Amino acid sequence: MAKFKSRYAELGFYCCDEFRNFYNGEYSTEKECEIKALEKLADVVRVDKPKAEEAPKPKAPAKKASGK
């Protein structure tokens, strides 16, 4: 489930020709079309991250000292 927060308590948006509302600045959904629409809005931030994006990035290999 994707959770979003808005700067505004009652922000509204259209998705699939239907009007949707945030309540108390929060909105949760499992529908892909709503997630894509919400990620495009400037005043909305996703508060949960998909598990695929949470994977830690590999560290760069350590540099070797020159052997002079």
N, C-alpha and C. Protein backbone atom coordinates (compact mmCIF):
# COMPACT_ATOMS: atom_id res chain seq x y z
N MET A 1 0.84 -1.17 0.00
CA MET A 1 0.00 0.00 0.00
C MET A 1 0.89 1.24 0.00
N ALA A 2 0.58 2.17 -0.85
CA ALA A 2 1.32 3.42 -0.96
C ALA A 2 0.63 4.48 -0.11
N LYS A 3 1.43 5.23 0.65
CA LYS A 3 0.89 6.30 1.49
C LYS A 3 1.53 7.62 1.07
N PHE A 4 0.68 8.64 0.98
CA PHE A 4 1.12 9.96 0.55
C PHE A 4 0.68 11.01 1.55
N LYS A 5 1.47 12.09 1.64
CA LYS A 5 1.12 13.25 2.48
C LYS A 5 1.09 14.48 1.61
N SER A 6 0.17 15.38 1.94
CA SER A 6 0.02 16.62 1.20
C SER A 6 0.30 17.80 2.11
N ARG A 7 0.73 18.91 1.52
CA ARG A 7 0.89 20.14 2.29
C ARG A 7 -0.46 20.68 2.72
N TYR A 8 -1.51 20.30 2.02
CA TYR A 8 -2.86 20.80 2.28
C TYR A 8 -3.72 19.67 2.86
N ALA A 9 -4.57 20.00 3.82
CA ALA A 9 -5.39 18.99 4.50
C ALA A 9 -6.42 18.36 3.58
N GLU A 10 -6.98 19.11 2.66
CA GLU A 10 -8.07 18.60 1.82
C GLU A 10 -7.74 18.71 0.33
N LEU A 11 -6.56 18.34 -0.07
CA LEU A 11 -6.16 18.40 -1.48
C LEU A 11 -6.98 17.41 -2.29
N GLY A 12 -7.39 17.81 -3.48
CA GLY A 12 -8.15 16.94 -4.37
C GLY A 12 -7.44 16.78 -5.70
N PHE A 13 -7.67 15.66 -6.37
CA PHE A 13 -7.06 15.41 -7.67
C PHE A 13 -7.97 14.48 -8.46
N TYR A 14 -7.77 14.47 -9.77
CA TYR A 14 -8.53 13.60 -10.65
C TYR A 14 -7.67 12.41 -11.07
N CYS A 15 -8.30 11.24 -11.09
CA CYS A 15 -7.66 10.03 -11.57
C CYS A 15 -8.74 9.15 -12.18
N CYS A 16 -8.53 8.72 -13.40
CA CYS A 16 -9.49 7.85 -14.11
C CYS A 16 -10.87 8.52 -14.17
N ASP A 17 -10.89 9.81 -14.45
CA ASP A 17 -12.11 10.60 -14.56
C ASP A 17 -12.93 10.65 -13.28
N GLU A 18 -12.31 10.41 -12.13
CA GLU A 18 -12.99 10.51 -10.84
C GLU A 18 -12.20 11.45 -9.94
N PHE A 19 -12.92 12.22 -9.13
CA PHE A 19 -12.30 13.15 -8.20
C PHE A 19 -11.97 12.42 -6.90
N ARG A 20 -10.73 12.55 -6.43
CA ARG A 20 -10.27 11.91 -5.18
C ARG A 20 -9.83 12.99 -4.21
N ASN A 21 -9.92 12.73 -2.91
CA ASN A 21 -9.57 13.72 -1.89
C ASN A 21 -8.57 13.15 -0.89
N PHE A 22 -7.71 14.02 -0.39
CA PHE A 22 -6.89 13.72 0.77
C PHE A 22 -7.74 14.06 2.00
N TYR A 23 -7.56 13.33 3.07
CA TYR A 23 -8.23 13.62 4.32
C TYR A 23 -7.17 13.81 5.39
N ASN A 24 -7.21 14.98 6.04
CA ASN A 24 -6.21 15.36 7.03
C ASN A 24 -4.80 15.31 6.44
N GLY A 25 -4.68 15.60 5.15
CA GLY A 25 -3.39 15.65 4.49
C GLY A 25 -2.80 14.30 4.16
N GLU A 26 -3.58 13.21 4.26
CA GLU A 26 -3.06 11.88 3.99
C GLU A 26 -3.94 11.14 2.99
N TYR A 27 -3.30 10.26 2.20
CA TYR A 27 -4.03 9.46 1.22
C TYR A 27 -3.30 8.14 1.06
N SER A 28 -4.03 7.03 1.10
CA SER A 28 -3.46 5.70 0.91
C SER A 28 -4.17 5.01 -0.24
N THR A 29 -3.42 4.26 -1.03
CA THR A 29 -4.00 3.56 -2.16
C THR A 29 -3.15 2.37 -2.56
N GLU A 30 -3.78 1.43 -3.26
CA GLU A 30 -3.07 0.31 -3.86
C GLU A 30 -3.18 0.33 -5.37
N LYS A 31 -3.95 1.28 -5.91
CA LYS A 31 -4.18 1.35 -7.35
C LYS A 31 -3.02 2.04 -8.05
N GLU A 32 -2.48 1.37 -9.08
CA GLU A 32 -1.34 1.90 -9.82
C GLU A 32 -1.64 3.23 -10.50
N CYS A 33 -2.85 3.39 -11.04
CA CYS A 33 -3.17 4.63 -11.73
C CYS A 33 -3.17 5.80 -10.75
N GLU A 34 -3.64 5.60 -9.53
CA GLU A 34 -3.62 6.66 -8.52
C GLU A 34 -2.20 6.96 -8.06
N ILE A 35 -1.38 5.94 -7.90
CA ILE A 35 0.01 6.14 -7.47
C ILE A 35 0.76 6.97 -8.51
N LYS A 36 0.59 6.65 -9.79
CA LYS A 36 1.26 7.41 -10.84
C LYS A 36 0.80 8.86 -10.87
N ALA A 37 -0.49 9.09 -10.68
CA ALA A 37 -1.02 10.45 -10.67
C ALA A 37 -0.50 11.23 -9.47
N LEU A 38 -0.45 10.61 -8.31
CA LEU A 38 0.01 11.28 -7.10
C LEU A 38 1.50 11.61 -7.15
N GLU A 39 2.29 10.74 -7.75
CA GLU A 39 3.73 10.99 -7.83
C GLU A 39 4.05 12.18 -8.73
N LYS A 40 3.13 12.58 -9.58
CA LYS A 40 3.35 13.73 -10.46
C LYS A 40 2.97 15.05 -9.81
N LEU A 41 2.23 15.03 -8.70
CA LEU A 41 1.76 16.26 -8.07
C LEU A 41 2.89 16.92 -7.28
N ALA A 42 2.99 18.23 -7.38
CA ALA A 42 4.07 18.98 -6.75
C ALA A 42 3.91 19.08 -5.24
N ASP A 43 2.70 19.12 -4.73
CA ASP A 43 2.46 19.32 -3.30
C ASP A 43 2.26 18.02 -2.54
N VAL A 44 2.67 16.92 -3.13
CA VAL A 44 2.46 15.60 -2.52
C VAL A 44 3.80 14.90 -2.38
N VAL A 45 4.00 14.23 -1.23
CA VAL A 45 5.22 13.48 -0.96
C VAL A 45 4.83 12.06 -0.56
N ARG A 46 5.50 11.10 -1.13
CA ARG A 46 5.24 9.71 -0.74
C ARG A 46 6.00 9.42 0.54
N VAL A 47 5.29 8.93 1.56
CA VAL A 47 5.92 8.72 2.86
C VAL A 47 6.40 7.28 3.05
N ASP A 48 5.96 6.36 2.23
CA ASP A 48 6.52 5.02 2.25
C ASP A 48 7.24 4.80 0.92
N LYS A 49 8.28 4.05 0.95
CA LYS A 49 9.05 3.80 -0.27
C LYS A 49 8.83 2.35 -0.69
N PRO A 50 8.73 2.11 -1.99
CA PRO A 50 8.65 0.72 -2.44
C PRO A 50 9.89 -0.06 -2.00
N LYS A 51 9.73 -1.32 -1.69
CA LYS A 51 10.83 -2.12 -1.17
C LYS A 51 11.99 -2.22 -2.14
N ALA A 52 11.76 -2.17 -3.42
CA ALA A 52 12.82 -2.25 -4.41
C ALA A 52 13.77 -1.07 -4.32
N GLU A 53 13.26 0.10 -3.93
CA GLU A 53 14.10 1.29 -3.83
C GLU A 53 14.84 1.37 -2.51
N GLU A 54 14.46 0.57 -1.51
CA GLU A 54 15.09 0.64 -0.20
C GLU A 54 16.39 -0.15 -0.12
N ALA A 55 16.73 -0.90 -1.14
CA ALA A 55 17.95 -1.69 -1.12
C ALA A 55 19.16 -0.77 -1.01
N PRO A 56 20.10 -1.09 -0.13
CA PRO A 56 21.27 -0.23 0.03
C PRO A 56 22.15 -0.26 -1.21
N LYS A 57 22.75 0.87 -1.50
CA LYS A 57 23.62 0.97 -2.67
C LYS A 57 24.98 0.36 -2.33
N PRO A 58 25.60 -0.35 -3.27
CA PRO A 58 26.92 -0.92 -3.00
C PRO A 58 27.96 0.19 -2.88
N LYS A 59 28.90 -0.03 -1.99
CA LYS A 59 29.96 0.96 -1.78
C LYS A 59 31.01 0.84 -2.89
N ALA A 60 31.66 1.95 -3.19
CA ALA A 60 32.73 1.95 -4.18
C ALA A 60 33.93 1.23 -3.60
N PRO A 61 34.70 0.52 -4.44
CA PRO A 61 35.88 -0.18 -3.93
C PRO A 61 36.91 0.81 -3.40
N ALA A 62 37.62 0.39 -2.36
CA ALA A 62 38.63 1.26 -1.76
C ALA A 62 39.80 1.48 -2.73
N LYS A 63 40.35 2.68 -2.71
CA LYS A 63 41.50 2.97 -3.56
C LYS A 63 42.76 2.43 -2.93
N LYS A 64 43.62 1.86 -3.78
CA LYS A 64 44.88 1.29 -3.28
C LYS A 64 45.95 2.37 -3.26
N ALA A 65 46.79 2.32 -2.26
CA ALA A 65 47.90 3.25 -2.15
C ALA A 65 48.97 2.87 -3.17
N SER A 66 49.63 3.85 -3.73
CA SER A 66 50.67 3.55 -4.71
C SER A 66 51.89 2.98 -3.99
N GLY A 67 52.52 2.01 -4.57
CA GLY A 67 53.66 1.32 -3.93
C GLY A 67 55.00 1.82 -4.43
N LYS A 68 55.33 3.07 -4.23
CA LYS A 68 56.61 3.62 -4.69
C LYS A 68 57.68 3.40 -3.70
